[in-house]
Amino acid sequence: MADHSPAGPAELGAQMDYAEHEKTYGRFIVLAKYGTLACVALMIAMAFGFFTSAGFISATILFVLICALGGYLLR
């Protein structure tokens, strides 16, 4: 049977708001950076707390320090 799908350009509708796209992409990158930082800091702090005799409080302090240092370096 005949294929009746459109063969023209893909953007036939309204114009794209590229400024909004770039702003959303920037926010996604920031979320990805700081989310990765939080996950890595959590894994390091959990390993420190579980595999040493440091305990929960020391692991929590290490987590906060890693997040603070990483946040300073990532800005």
C-alpha atoms as a PDB file:
ATOM      1  CA  MET A   1       0.000   0.000   0.000  1.00  0.00           C
ATOM      2  CA  ALA A   2       1.044   3.567  -0.469  1.00  0.00           C
ATOM      3  CA  ASP A   3       2.841   5.339   2.362  1.00  0.00           C
ATOM      4  CA  HIS A   4       1.110   8.652   3.113  1.00  0.00           C
ATOM      5  CA  SER A   5       3.471   9.891   5.818  1.00  0.00           C
ATOM      6  CA  PRO A   6       4.601  13.522   5.493  1.00  0.00           C
ATOM      7  CA  ALA A   7       7.891  13.945   3.641  1.00  0.00           C
ATOM      8  CA  GLY A   8       8.432  17.654   4.392  1.00  0.00           C
ATOM      9  CA  PRO A   9      10.431  19.326   7.140  1.00  0.00           C
ATOM     10  CA  ALA A  10       9.762  18.177  10.689  1.00  0.00           C
ATOM     11  CA  GLU A  11       9.160  21.666  12.085  1.00  0.00           C
ATOM     12  CA  LEU A  12       5.884  22.642  10.484  1.00  0.00           C
ATOM     13  CA  GLY A  13       4.203  23.842  13.672  1.00  0.00           C
ATOM     14  CA  ALA A  14       4.977  26.766  15.943  1.00  0.00           C
ATOM     15  CA  GLN A  15       8.502  28.120  16.246  1.00  0.00           C
ATOM     16  CA  MET A  16      10.660  26.560  18.957  1.00  0.00           C
ATOM     17  CA  ASP A  17      11.511  28.561  22.072  1.00  0.00           C
ATOM     18  CA  TYR A  18      15.265  27.953  22.020  1.00  0.00           C
ATOM     19  CA  ALA A  19      15.946  30.222  24.995  1.00  0.00           C
ATOM     20  CA  GLU A  20      13.632  28.090  27.130  1.00  0.00           C
ATOM     21  CA  HIS A  21      15.274  24.900  25.839  1.00  0.00           C
ATOM     22  CA  GLU A  22      18.728  26.192  26.770  1.00  0.00           C
ATOM     23  CA  LYS A  23      17.521  27.248  30.227  1.00  0.00           C
ATOM     24  CA  THR A  24      16.004  23.814  30.836  1.00  0.00           C
ATOM     25  CA  TYR A  25      19.197  22.110  29.627  1.00  0.00           C
ATOM     26  CA  GLY A  26      21.270  24.262  31.977  1.00  0.00           C
ATOM     27  CA  ARG A  27      19.076  23.308  34.928  1.00  0.00           C
ATOM     28  CA  PHE A  28      19.339  19.631  33.979  1.00  0.00           C
ATOM     29  CA  ILE A  29      23.145  19.842  33.908  1.00  0.00           C
ATOM     30  CA  VAL A  30      23.202  21.494  37.351  1.00  0.00           C
ATOM     31  CA  LEU A  31      20.877  18.814  38.737  1.00  0.00           C
ATOM     32  CA  ALA A  32      23.027  16.067  37.231  1.00  0.00           C
ATOM     33  CA  LYS A  33      26.256  17.533  38.664  1.00  0.00           C
ATOM     34  CA  TYR A  34      24.982  18.009  42.197  1.00  0.00           C
ATOM     35  CA  GLY A  35      22.996  14.761  42.180  1.00  0.00           C
ATOM     36  CA  THR A  36      26.129  12.864  41.200  1.00  0.00           C
ATOM     37  CA  LEU A  37      28.072  14.666  43.915  1.00  0.00           C
ATOM     38  CA  ALA A  38      25.493  13.676  46.537  1.00  0.00           C
ATOM     39  CA  CYS A  39      25.518  10.014  45.411  1.00  0.00           C
ATOM     40  CA  VAL A  40      29.315   9.802  45.423  1.00  0.00           C
ATOM     41  CA  ALA A  41      29.548  11.516  48.809  1.00  0.00           C
ATOM     42  CA  LEU A  42      26.939   9.150  50.221  1.00  0.00           C
ATOM     43  CA  MET A  43      28.780   6.068  48.943  1.00  0.00           C
ATOM     44  CA  ILE A  44      32.101   7.263  50.375  1.00  0.00           C
ATOM     45  CA  ALA A  45      30.527   8.140  53.722  1.00  0.00           C
ATOM     46  CA  MET A  46      28.721   4.790  53.894  1.00  0.00           C
ATOM     47  CA  ALA A  47      31.944   2.899  53.155  1.00  0.00           C
ATOM     48  CA  PHE A  48      33.742   4.972  55.788  1.00  0.00           C
ATOM     49  CA  GLY A  49      31.040   4.308  58.360  1.00  0.00           C
ATOM     50  CA  PHE A  50      30.600   0.598  57.668  1.00  0.00           C
ATOM     51  CA  PHE A  51      34.168  -0.578  57.073  1.00  0.00           C
ATOM     52  CA  THR A  52      35.966   1.404  59.760  1.00  0.00           C
ATOM     53  CA  SER A  53      35.313   1.822  63.450  1.00  0.00           C
ATOM     54  CA  ALA A  54      34.466   5.504  62.937  1.00  0.00           C
ATOM     55  CA  GLY A  55      30.705   5.162  63.338  1.00  0.00           C
ATOM     56  CA  PHE A  56      27.626   7.005  62.145  1.00  0.00           C
ATOM     57  CA  ILE A  57      28.464  10.499  63.416  1.00  0.00           C
ATOM     58  CA  SER A  58      31.890  10.527  61.773  1.00  0.00           C
ATOM     59  CA  ALA A  59      30.420   9.241  58.512  1.00  0.00           C
ATOM     60  CA  THR A  60      27.768  11.974  58.609  1.00  0.00           C
ATOM     61  CA  ILE A  61      30.422  14.629  59.201  1.00  0.00           C
ATOM     62  CA  LEU A  62      32.449  13.219  56.297  1.00  0.00           C
ATOM     63  CA  PHE A  63      29.348  13.316  54.057  1.00  0.00           C
ATOM     64  CA  VAL A  64      28.724  16.983  54.903  1.00  0.00           C
ATOM     65  CA  LEU A  65      32.385  17.858  54.320  1.00  0.00           C
ATOM     66  CA  ILE A  66      32.497  16.097  50.947  1.00  0.00           C
ATOM     67  CA  CYS A  67      29.262  17.801  49.861  1.00  0.00           C
ATOM     68  CA  ALA A  68      30.534  21.203  50.972  1.00  0.00           C
ATOM     69  CA  LEU A  69      33.906  20.810  49.263  1.00  0.00           C
ATOM     70  CA  GLY A  70      32.357  19.355  46.115  1.00  0.00           C
ATOM     71  CA  GLY A  71      29.728  22.084  45.987  1.00  0.00           C
ATOM     72  CA  TYR A  72      32.463  24.704  46.252  1.00  0.00           C
ATOM     73  CA  LEU A  73      34.495  23.061  43.480  1.00  0.00           C
ATOM     74  CA  LEU A  74      31.520  22.527  41.146  1.00  0.00           C
ATOM     75  CA  ARG A  75      30.175  26.067  41.146  1.00  0.00           C
END
